[in-house]
Protein backbone atom coordinates (compact mmCIF):
# COMPACT_ATOMS: atom_id res chain seq x y z
CA UNK A 1 0.00 0.00 0.00
CA UNK A 2 1.20 3.48 -0.72
CA UNK A 3 1.70 6.08 1.95
CA UNK A 4 -1.18 8.11 0.54
CA UNK A 5 -3.54 5.14 0.80
CA UNK A 6 -2.37 4.46 4.37
CA UNK A 7 -3.08 8.07 5.33
CA UNK A 8 -6.46 7.94 3.60
CA UNK A 9 -7.44 4.77 5.45
CA UNK A 10 -6.28 6.23 8.77
CA UNK A 11 -8.32 9.38 8.11
CA UNK A 12 -11.36 7.26 7.23
CA UNK A 13 -11.02 5.27 10.47
CA UNK A 14 -10.69 8.45 12.53
CA UNK A 15 -13.69 10.05 10.82
CA UNK A 16 -15.84 6.94 11.23
CA UNK A 17 -14.99 6.78 14.95
CA UNK A 18 -15.53 10.52 15.46
CA UNK A 19 -18.93 10.40 13.76
CA UNK A 20 -20.05 7.32 15.66
CA UNK A 21 -20.04 5.19 12.52
CA UNK A 22 -17.66 2.58 13.87
CA UNK A 23 -19.51 -0.04 15.91
CA UNK A 24 -16.84 -2.75 15.83
CA UNK A 25 -13.12 -2.04 15.53
CA UNK A 26 -10.78 -4.92 14.84
CA UNK A 27 -7.07 -5.61 14.59
CA UNK A 28 -4.67 -8.50 14.71
CA UNK A 29 -2.06 -9.30 17.34
CA UNK A 30 0.86 -11.68 17.34
CA UNK A 31 1.05 -14.41 19.95
CA UNK A 32 3.33 -17.39 20.59
CA UNK A 33 0.59 -19.50 18.99
CA UNK A 34 0.02 -17.43 15.86
CA UNK A 35 -2.06 -14.43 14.88
CA UNK A 36 -5.03 -13.44 17.03
CA UNK A 37 -7.99 -11.39 15.83
CA UNK A 38 -9.25 -8.81 18.33
CA UNK A 39 -12.54 -6.94 18.05
CA UNK A 40 -14.02 -4.31 20.34
CA UNK A 41 -17.10 -2.19 20.57
CA UNK A 42 -17.40 1.06 22.51
CA UNK A 43 -18.24 -1.13 25.55
CA UNK A 44 -15.09 -3.26 25.38
CA UNK A 45 -13.51 -6.38 23.94
CA UNK A 46 -16.25 -8.44 22.28
CA UNK A 47 -14.32 -11.10 20.34
CA UNK A 48 -10.90 -12.71 20.35
CA UNK A 49 -10.26 -15.09 17.48
CA UNK A 50 -7.61 -17.74 18.04
CA UNK A 51 -5.08 -18.83 15.40
CA UNK A 52 -6.73 -21.08 12.86
CA UNK A 53 -10.08 -19.31 12.96
CA UNK A 54 -11.09 -17.84 9.61
CA UNK A 55 -10.83 -14.05 9.85
CA UNK A 56 -13.50 -13.39 7.20
CA UNK A 57 -15.93 -15.79 8.87
CA UNK A 58 -15.39 -14.12 12.24
CA UNK A 59 -15.81 -10.62 10.79
CA UNK A 60 -18.97 -11.65 8.93
CA UNK A 61 -20.34 -13.12 12.15
CA UNK A 62 -19.65 -9.86 13.98
CA UNK A 63 -21.29 -7.87 11.17
CA UNK A 64 -24.38 -10.08 11.37
CA UNK A 65 -24.65 -10.31 15.15
CA UNK A 66 -23.55 -6.82 16.23
CA UNK A 67 -23.40 -4.34 13.35
CA UNK A 68 -22.33 -4.18 9.72
CA UNK A 69 -20.14 -1.21 10.67
CA UNK A 70 -16.97 -3.25 11.24
CA UNK A 71 -13.69 -1.58 10.39
CA UNK A 72 -10.04 -2.43 10.86
CA UNK A 73 -8.73 0.10 13.38
CA UNK A 74 -5.49 -1.11 14.98
CA UNK A 75 -5.01 1.95 17.19
CA UNK A 76 -8.39 1.31 18.83
CA UNK A 77 -7.05 -2.01 20.13
CA UNK A 78 -3.63 -0.88 21.34
CA UNK A 79 -4.45 -1.56 24.99
CA UNK A 80 -5.81 -5.05 24.25
CA UNK A 81 -2.67 -5.90 22.27
CA UNK A 82 -0.42 -4.49 24.99
CA UNK A 83 -2.14 -6.51 27.75
CA UNK A 84 -1.98 -9.71 25.69
CA UNK A 85 1.72 -9.14 24.96
CA UNK A 86 2.35 -8.67 28.69
CA UNK A 87 0.34 -11.81 29.49
CA UNK A 88 2.34 -13.97 27.06
CA UNK A 89 5.59 -12.50 28.44
CA UNK A 90 4.52 -13.43 31.99
CA UNK A 91 4.27 -9.79 33.11
CA UNK A 92 0.46 -9.75 33.44
CA UNK A 93 -1.59 -12.05 35.64
CA UNK A 94 -4.96 -10.30 35.30
CA UNK A 95 -6.55 -8.50 32.38
CA UNK A 96 -7.98 -5.06 33.09
CA UNK A 97 -9.79 -4.71 29.79
CA UNK A 98 -13.48 -3.82 29.67
CA UNK A 99 -15.51 -6.66 28.22
CA UNK A 100 -18.60 -6.39 26.05
CA UNK A 101 -20.65 -9.49 26.94
CA UNK A 102 -23.29 -9.05 24.22
CA UNK A 103 -22.36 -12.32 22.46
CA UNK A 104 -23.19 -14.29 25.63
CA UNK A 105 -26.64 -14.88 27.08
CA UNK A 106 -28.38 -16.77 29.87
CA UNK A 107 -26.45 -19.69 31.35
CA UNK A 108 -23.52 -19.16 28.97
CA UNK A 109 -23.16 -15.55 30.15
CA UNK A 110 -23.19 -16.60 33.80
CA UNK A 111 -20.70 -19.39 33.09
CA UNK A 112 -18.35 -17.07 31.21
CA UNK A 113 -18.48 -14.52 34.01
CA UNK A 114 -17.50 -17.36 36.37
CA UNK A 115 -14.63 -18.25 34.03
CA UNK A 116 -13.46 -14.63 34.03
CA UNK A 117 -13.17 -14.80 37.82
CA UNK A 118 -10.81 -17.82 37.87
CA UNK A 119 -7.49 -16.48 39.18
CA UNK A 120 -4.27 -16.76 37.19
CA UNK A 121 -2.50 -20.06 37.82
CA UNK A 122 -5.64 -21.78 39.17
CA UNK A 123 -8.11 -24.13 37.55
CA UNK A 124 -11.73 -25.17 38.04
CA UNK A 125 -13.72 -28.12 36.77
CA UNK A 126 -16.67 -28.03 34.42
CA UNK A 127 -18.78 -29.09 37.42
CA UNK A 128 -17.46 -26.15 39.47
CA UNK A 129 -18.31 -23.89 36.56
CA UNK A 130 -21.85 -25.27 36.23
CA UNK A 131 -22.42 -24.87 39.98
CA UNK A 132 -21.11 -21.29 39.96
CA UNK A 133 -23.35 -20.43 37.01
CA UNK A 134 -26.41 -21.65 38.90
CA UNK A 135 -27.05 -25.22 37.74
CA UNK A 136 -24.75 -27.91 39.09
CA UNK A 137 -26.20 -30.49 36.69
CA UNK A 138 -25.50 -28.39 33.57
CA UNK A 139 -21.96 -29.71 33.10
CA UNK A 140 -22.36 -30.14 29.33
CA UNK A 141 -23.71 -26.60 29.04
CA UNK A 142 -20.66 -25.42 31.00
CA UNK A 143 -18.46 -27.20 28.48
CA UNK A 144 -20.38 -25.53 25.68
CA UNK A 145 -19.87 -22.13 27.32
CA UNK A 146 -16.15 -22.83 27.20
CA UNK A 147 -15.99 -24.26 23.69
CA UNK A 148 -17.95 -21.34 22.23
CA UNK A 149 -16.33 -18.65 24.38
CA UNK A 150 -16.04 -15.55 22.16
CA UNK A 151 -13.20 -14.08 24.23
CA UNK A 152 -10.74 -16.89 25.06
CA UNK A 153 -7.53 -15.99 26.91
CA UNK A 154 -9.09 -12.87 28.46
CA UNK A 155 -12.05 -14.99 29.63
CA UNK A 156 -9.68 -17.87 30.42
CA UNK A 157 -11.61 -21.02 29.53
CA UNK A 158 -8.26 -22.82 29.31
CA UNK A 159 -8.40 -22.85 33.13
CA UNK A 160 -11.41 -25.19 33.12
CA UNK A 161 -10.65 -28.92 33.34
CA UNK A 162 -12.54 -32.19 33.53
CA UNK A 163 -13.42 -33.54 36.97
CA UNK A 164 -10.61 -36.11 36.74
CA UNK A 165 -8.07 -33.32 36.16
CA UNK A 166 -7.58 -34.06 32.46
CA UNK A 167 -7.55 -31.16 30.06
CA UNK A 168 -10.72 -31.67 28.05
CA UNK A 169 -11.00 -29.73 24.81
CA UNK A 170 -10.00 -26.24 23.76
CA UNK A 171 -10.87 -24.18 20.70
CA UNK A 172 -7.17 -23.50 20.07
CA UNK A 173 -6.30 -27.18 20.52
CA UNK A 174 -5.31 -29.20 23.55
CA UNK A 175 -1.64 -28.39 22.97
CA UNK A 176 -2.34 -24.67 23.27
CA UNK A 177 -4.39 -25.26 26.43
CA UNK A 178 -1.53 -27.24 27.96
CA UNK A 179 1.03 -24.56 27.09
CA UNK A 180 -1.16 -21.79 28.54
CA UNK A 181 -1.57 -23.71 31.80
CA UNK A 182 2.18 -24.37 31.93
CA UNK A 183 2.88 -20.66 31.35
CA UNK A 184 0.60 -19.73 34.24
CA UNK A 185 1.93 -22.44 36.56
CA UNK A 186 5.55 -21.39 35.99
CA UNK A 187 4.71 -17.71 36.48
CA UNK A 188 2.55 -18.17 39.59
CA UNK A 189 5.30 -19.88 41.59
C-alpha atoms as a PDB file:
ATOM      1  CA  UNK A   1       0.000   0.000   0.000  1.00  0.00           C
ATOM      2  CA  UNK A   2       1.198   3.485  -0.716  1.00  0.00           C
ATOM      3  CA  UNK A   3       1.697   6.081   1.946  1.00  0.00           C
ATOM      4  CA  UNK A   4      -1.181   8.114   0.535  1.00  0.00           C
ATOM      5  CA  UNK A   5      -3.540   5.136   0.805  1.00  0.00           C
ATOM      6  CA  UNK A   6      -2.367   4.457   4.369  1.00  0.00           C
ATOM      7  CA  UNK A   7      -3.084   8.071   5.331  1.00  0.00           C
ATOM      8  CA  UNK A   8      -6.464   7.943   3.597  1.00  0.00           C
ATOM      9  CA  UNK A   9      -7.442   4.767   5.453  1.00  0.00           C
ATOM     10  CA  UNK A  10      -6.281   6.230   8.768  1.00  0.00           C
ATOM     11  CA  UNK A  11      -8.317   9.376   8.111  1.00  0.00           C
ATOM     12  CA  UNK A  12     -11.356   7.259   7.226  1.00  0.00           C
ATOM     13  CA  UNK A  13     -11.020   5.268  10.467  1.00  0.00           C
ATOM     14  CA  UNK A  14     -10.694   8.452  12.531  1.00  0.00           C
ATOM     15  CA  UNK A  15     -13.687  10.053  10.819  1.00  0.00           C
ATOM     16  CA  UNK A  16     -15.841   6.939  11.231  1.00  0.00           C
ATOM     17  CA  UNK A  17     -14.991   6.783  14.946  1.00  0.00           C
ATOM     18  CA  UNK A  18     -15.528  10.518  15.459  1.00  0.00           C
ATOM     19  CA  UNK A  19     -18.927  10.398  13.756  1.00  0.00           C
ATOM     20  CA  UNK A  20     -20.055   7.323  15.658  1.00  0.00           C
ATOM     21  CA  UNK A  21     -20.040   5.194  12.516  1.00  0.00           C
ATOM     22  CA  UNK A  22     -17.656   2.577  13.872  1.00  0.00           C
ATOM     23  CA  UNK A  23     -19.509  -0.041  15.908  1.00  0.00           C
ATOM     24  CA  UNK A  24     -16.836  -2.753  15.834  1.00  0.00           C
ATOM     25  CA  UNK A  25     -13.122  -2.043  15.529  1.00  0.00           C
ATOM     26  CA  UNK A  26     -10.777  -4.923  14.838  1.00  0.00           C
ATOM     27  CA  UNK A  27      -7.067  -5.611  14.586  1.00  0.00           C
ATOM     28  CA  UNK A  28      -4.667  -8.503  14.707  1.00  0.00           C
ATOM     29  CA  UNK A  29      -2.064  -9.297  17.337  1.00  0.00           C
ATOM     30  CA  UNK A  30       0.859 -11.675  17.336  1.00  0.00           C
ATOM     31  CA  UNK A  31       1.053 -14.410  19.946  1.00  0.00           C
ATOM     32  CA  UNK A  32       3.332 -17.389  20.593  1.00  0.00           C
ATOM     33  CA  UNK A  33       0.588 -19.504  18.989  1.00  0.00           C
ATOM     34  CA  UNK A  34       0.022 -17.425  15.861  1.00  0.00           C
ATOM     35  CA  UNK A  35      -2.057 -14.425  14.875  1.00  0.00           C
ATOM     36  CA  UNK A  36      -5.028 -13.442  17.032  1.00  0.00           C
ATOM     37  CA  UNK A  37      -7.988 -11.392  15.830  1.00  0.00           C
ATOM     38  CA  UNK A  38      -9.249  -8.808  18.325  1.00  0.00           C
ATOM     39  CA  UNK A  39     -12.544  -6.936  18.050  1.00  0.00           C
ATOM     40  CA  UNK A  40     -14.015  -4.309  20.337  1.00  0.00           C
ATOM     41  CA  UNK A  41     -17.105  -2.187  20.569  1.00  0.00           C
ATOM     42  CA  UNK A  42     -17.400   1.064  22.509  1.00  0.00           C
ATOM     43  CA  UNK A  43     -18.241  -1.126  25.547  1.00  0.00           C
ATOM     44  CA  UNK A  44     -15.093  -3.263  25.376  1.00  0.00           C
ATOM     45  CA  UNK A  45     -13.514  -6.384  23.940  1.00  0.00           C
ATOM     46  CA  UNK A  46     -16.246  -8.436  22.281  1.00  0.00           C
ATOM     47  CA  UNK A  47     -14.316 -11.097  20.339  1.00  0.00           C
ATOM     48  CA  UNK A  48     -10.895 -12.707  20.349  1.00  0.00           C
ATOM     49  CA  UNK A  49     -10.259 -15.090  17.481  1.00  0.00           C
ATOM     50  CA  UNK A  50      -7.607 -17.739  18.042  1.00  0.00           C
ATOM     51  CA  UNK A  51      -5.077 -18.832  15.401  1.00  0.00           C
ATOM     52  CA  UNK A  52      -6.730 -21.083  12.862  1.00  0.00           C
ATOM     53  CA  UNK A  53     -10.083 -19.311  12.957  1.00  0.00           C
ATOM     54  CA  UNK A  54     -11.092 -17.845   9.613  1.00  0.00           C
ATOM     55  CA  UNK A  55     -10.832 -14.047   9.847  1.00  0.00           C
ATOM     56  CA  UNK A  56     -13.501 -13.390   7.196  1.00  0.00           C
ATOM     57  CA  UNK A  57     -15.929 -15.794   8.870  1.00  0.00           C
ATOM     58  CA  UNK A  58     -15.389 -14.117  12.239  1.00  0.00           C
ATOM     59  CA  UNK A  59     -15.811 -10.616  10.789  1.00  0.00           C
ATOM     60  CA  UNK A  60     -18.965 -11.651   8.927  1.00  0.00           C
ATOM     61  CA  UNK A  61     -20.336 -13.123  12.148  1.00  0.00           C
ATOM     62  CA  UNK A  62     -19.645  -9.856  13.981  1.00  0.00           C
ATOM     63  CA  UNK A  63     -21.290  -7.871  11.169  1.00  0.00           C
ATOM     64  CA  UNK A  64     -24.381 -10.079  11.369  1.00  0.00           C
ATOM     65  CA  UNK A  65     -24.653 -10.310  15.152  1.00  0.00           C
ATOM     66  CA  UNK A  66     -23.553  -6.821  16.227  1.00  0.00           C
ATOM     67  CA  UNK A  67     -23.399  -4.340  13.350  1.00  0.00           C
ATOM     68  CA  UNK A  68     -22.334  -4.180   9.719  1.00  0.00           C
ATOM     69  CA  UNK A  69     -20.142  -1.212  10.670  1.00  0.00           C
ATOM     70  CA  UNK A  70     -16.971  -3.245  11.238  1.00  0.00           C
ATOM     71  CA  UNK A  71     -13.686  -1.578  10.391  1.00  0.00           C
ATOM     72  CA  UNK A  72     -10.040  -2.431  10.863  1.00  0.00           C
ATOM     73  CA  UNK A  73      -8.729   0.103  13.375  1.00  0.00           C
ATOM     74  CA  UNK A  74      -5.492  -1.110  14.978  1.00  0.00           C
ATOM     75  CA  UNK A  75      -5.011   1.949  17.191  1.00  0.00           C
ATOM     76  CA  UNK A  76      -8.394   1.313  18.830  1.00  0.00           C
ATOM     77  CA  UNK A  77      -7.050  -2.007  20.132  1.00  0.00           C
ATOM     78  CA  UNK A  78      -3.627  -0.881  21.340  1.00  0.00           C
ATOM     79  CA  UNK A  79      -4.454  -1.561  24.994  1.00  0.00           C
ATOM     80  CA  UNK A  80      -5.807  -5.048  24.248  1.00  0.00           C
ATOM     81  CA  UNK A  81      -2.671  -5.899  22.273  1.00  0.00           C
ATOM     82  CA  UNK A  82      -0.423  -4.488  24.994  1.00  0.00           C
ATOM     83  CA  UNK A  83      -2.140  -6.508  27.746  1.00  0.00           C
ATOM     84  CA  UNK A  84      -1.980  -9.711  25.686  1.00  0.00           C
ATOM     85  CA  UNK A  85       1.716  -9.135  24.963  1.00  0.00           C
ATOM     86  CA  UNK A  86       2.349  -8.667  28.690  1.00  0.00           C
ATOM     87  CA  UNK A  87       0.340 -11.812  29.486  1.00  0.00           C
ATOM     88  CA  UNK A  88       2.341 -13.970  27.059  1.00  0.00           C
ATOM     89  CA  UNK A  89       5.592 -12.501  28.438  1.00  0.00           C
ATOM     90  CA  UNK A  90       4.525 -13.431  31.989  1.00  0.00           C
ATOM     91  CA  UNK A  91       4.274  -9.788  33.108  1.00  0.00           C
ATOM     92  CA  UNK A  92       0.462  -9.754  33.441  1.00  0.00           C
ATOM     93  CA  UNK A  93      -1.594 -12.050  35.636  1.00  0.00           C
ATOM     94  CA  UNK A  94      -4.964 -10.298  35.296  1.00  0.00           C
ATOM     95  CA  UNK A  95      -6.547  -8.499  32.379  1.00  0.00           C
ATOM     96  CA  UNK A  96      -7.979  -5.057  33.089  1.00  0.00           C
ATOM     97  CA  UNK A  97      -9.795  -4.714  29.788  1.00  0.00           C
ATOM     98  CA  UNK A  98     -13.476  -3.816  29.673  1.00  0.00           C
ATOM     99  CA  UNK A  99     -15.513  -6.665  28.220  1.00  0.00           C
ATOM    100  CA  UNK A 100     -18.595  -6.390  26.048  1.00  0.00           C
ATOM    101  CA  UNK A 101     -20.652  -9.487  26.941  1.00  0.00           C
ATOM    102  CA  UNK A 102     -23.291  -9.053  24.223  1.00  0.00           C
ATOM    103  CA  UNK A 103     -22.359 -12.323  22.462  1.00  0.00           C
ATOM    104  CA  UNK A 104     -23.186 -14.285  25.628  1.00  0.00           C
ATOM    105  CA  UNK A 105     -26.638 -14.883  27.081  1.00  0.00           C
ATOM    106  CA  UNK A 106     -28.376 -16.774  29.871  1.00  0.00           C
ATOM    107  CA  UNK A 107     -26.455 -19.687  31.351  1.00  0.00           C
ATOM    108  CA  UNK A 108     -23.521 -19.158  28.967  1.00  0.00           C
ATOM    109  CA  UNK A 109     -23.165 -15.554  30.150  1.00  0.00           C
ATOM    110  CA  UNK A 110     -23.193 -16.603  33.803  1.00  0.00           C
ATOM    111  CA  UNK A 111     -20.700 -19.388  33.092  1.00  0.00           C
ATOM    112  CA  UNK A 112     -18.348 -17.068  31.208  1.00  0.00           C
ATOM    113  CA  UNK A 113     -18.476 -14.522  34.005  1.00  0.00           C
ATOM    114  CA  UNK A 114     -17.502 -17.359  36.369  1.00  0.00           C
ATOM    115  CA  UNK A 115     -14.630 -18.250  34.027  1.00  0.00           C
ATOM    116  CA  UNK A 116     -13.462 -14.626  34.029  1.00  0.00           C
ATOM    117  CA  UNK A 117     -13.175 -14.801  37.824  1.00  0.00           C
ATOM    118  CA  UNK A 118     -10.806 -17.819  37.873  1.00  0.00           C
ATOM    119  CA  UNK A 119      -7.486 -16.476  39.176  1.00  0.00           C
ATOM    120  CA  UNK A 120      -4.272 -16.764  37.192  1.00  0.00           C
ATOM    121  CA  UNK A 121      -2.504 -20.065  37.822  1.00  0.00           C
ATOM    122  CA  UNK A 122      -5.637 -21.775  39.167  1.00  0.00           C
ATOM    123  CA  UNK A 123      -8.113 -24.132  37.553  1.00  0.00           C
ATOM    124  CA  UNK A 124     -11.732 -25.170  38.039  1.00  0.00           C
ATOM    125  CA  UNK A 125     -13.718 -28.124  36.772  1.00  0.00           C
ATOM    126  CA  UNK A 126     -16.673 -28.031  34.418  1.00  0.00           C
ATOM    127  CA  UNK A 127     -18.781 -29.092  37.423  1.00  0.00           C
ATOM    128  CA  UNK A 128     -17.459 -26.146  39.470  1.00  0.00           C
ATOM    129  CA  UNK A 129     -18.310 -23.893  36.558  1.00  0.00           C
ATOM    130  CA  UNK A 130     -21.850 -25.268  36.228  1.00  0.00           C
ATOM    131  CA  UNK A 131     -22.421 -24.874  39.980  1.00  0.00           C
ATOM    132  CA  UNK A 132     -21.115 -21.294  39.963  1.00  0.00           C
ATOM    133  CA  UNK A 133     -23.348 -20.431  37.005  1.00  0.00           C
ATOM    134  CA  UNK A 134     -26.410 -21.645  38.904  1.00  0.00           C
ATOM    135  CA  UNK A 135     -27.046 -25.215  37.736  1.00  0.00           C
ATOM    136  CA  UNK A 136     -24.752 -27.908  39.093  1.00  0.00           C
ATOM    137  CA  UNK A 137     -26.202 -30.491  36.692  1.00  0.00           C
ATOM    138  CA  UNK A 138     -25.500 -28.392  33.567  1.00  0.00           C
ATOM    139  CA  UNK A 139     -21.963 -29.713  33.103  1.00  0.00           C
ATOM    140  CA  UNK A 140     -22.364 -30.139  29.331  1.00  0.00           C
ATOM    141  CA  UNK A 141     -23.713 -26.601  29.036  1.00  0.00           C
ATOM    142  CA  UNK A 142     -20.663 -25.416  31.003  1.00  0.00           C
ATOM    143  CA  UNK A 143     -18.460 -27.201  28.481  1.00  0.00           C
ATOM    144  CA  UNK A 144     -20.380 -25.531  25.678  1.00  0.00           C
ATOM    145  CA  UNK A 145     -19.872 -22.129  27.321  1.00  0.00           C
ATOM    146  CA  UNK A 146     -16.146 -22.834  27.201  1.00  0.00           C
ATOM    147  CA  UNK A 147     -15.989 -24.259  23.689  1.00  0.00           C
ATOM    148  CA  UNK A 148     -17.950 -21.344  22.232  1.00  0.00           C
ATOM    149  CA  UNK A 149     -16.329 -18.654  24.377  1.00  0.00           C
ATOM    150  CA  UNK A 150     -16.043 -15.551  22.156  1.00  0.00           C
ATOM    151  CA  UNK A 151     -13.196 -14.082  24.231  1.00  0.00           C
ATOM    152  CA  UNK A 152     -10.737 -16.887  25.063  1.00  0.00           C
ATOM    153  CA  UNK A 153      -7.530 -15.988  26.912  1.00  0.00           C
ATOM    154  CA  UNK A 154      -9.094 -12.873  28.464  1.00  0.00           C
ATOM    155  CA  UNK A 155     -12.050 -14.993  29.634  1.00  0.00           C
ATOM    156  CA  UNK A 156      -9.683 -17.869  30.420  1.00  0.00           C
ATOM    157  CA  UNK A 157     -11.606 -21.021  29.529  1.00  0.00           C
ATOM    158  CA  UNK A 158      -8.255 -22.816  29.306  1.00  0.00           C
ATOM    159  CA  UNK A 159      -8.399 -22.855  33.135  1.00  0.00           C
ATOM    160  CA  UNK A 160     -11.409 -25.191  33.120  1.00  0.00           C
ATOM    161  CA  UNK A 161     -10.651 -28.920  33.342  1.00  0.00           C
ATOM    162  CA  UNK A 162     -12.536 -32.188  33.532  1.00  0.00           C
ATOM    163  CA  UNK A 163     -13.421 -33.536  36.973  1.00  0.00           C
ATOM    164  CA  UNK A 164     -10.612 -36.108  36.744  1.00  0.00           C
ATOM    165  CA  UNK A 165      -8.073 -33.317  36.158  1.00  0.00           C
ATOM    166  CA  UNK A 166      -7.583 -34.059  32.460  1.00  0.00           C
ATOM    167  CA  UNK A 167      -7.546 -31.156  30.057  1.00  0.00           C
ATOM    168  CA  UNK A 168     -10.716 -31.667  28.050  1.00  0.00           C
ATOM    169  CA  UNK A 169     -11.004 -29.730  24.811  1.00  0.00           C
ATOM    170  CA  UNK A 170     -10.004 -26.243  23.759  1.00  0.00           C
ATOM    171  CA  UNK A 171     -10.868 -24.180  20.703  1.00  0.00           C
ATOM    172  CA  UNK A 172      -7.174 -23.504  20.073  1.00  0.00           C
ATOM    173  CA  UNK A 173      -6.304 -27.178  20.523  1.00  0.00           C
ATOM    174  CA  UNK A 174      -5.308 -29.204  23.550  1.00  0.00           C
ATOM    175  CA  UNK A 175      -1.638 -28.387  22.968  1.00  0.00           C
ATOM    176  CA  UNK A 176      -2.343 -24.672  23.270  1.00  0.00           C
ATOM    177  CA  UNK A 177      -4.385 -25.261  26.433  1.00  0.00           C
ATOM    178  CA  UNK A 178      -1.527 -27.243  27.962  1.00  0.00           C
ATOM    179  CA  UNK A 179       1.032 -24.562  27.086  1.00  0.00           C
ATOM    180  CA  UNK A 180      -1.158 -21.788  28.539  1.00  0.00           C
ATOM    181  CA  UNK A 181      -1.571 -23.709  31.797  1.00  0.00           C
ATOM    182  CA  UNK A 182       2.178 -24.374  31.930  1.00  0.00           C
ATOM    183  CA  UNK A 183       2.876 -20.658  31.351  1.00  0.00           C
ATOM    184  CA  UNK A 184       0.602 -19.727  34.237  1.00  0.00           C
ATOM    185  CA  UNK A 185       1.935 -22.440  36.555  1.00  0.00           C
ATOM    186  CA  UNK A 186       5.545 -21.387  35.989  1.00  0.00           C
ATOM    187  CA  UNK A 187       4.715 -17.712  36.481  1.00  0.00           C
ATOM    188  CA  UNK A 188       2.546 -18.170  39.588  1.00  0.00           C
ATOM    189  CA  UNK A 189       5.296 -19.885  41.587  1.00  0.00           C
END
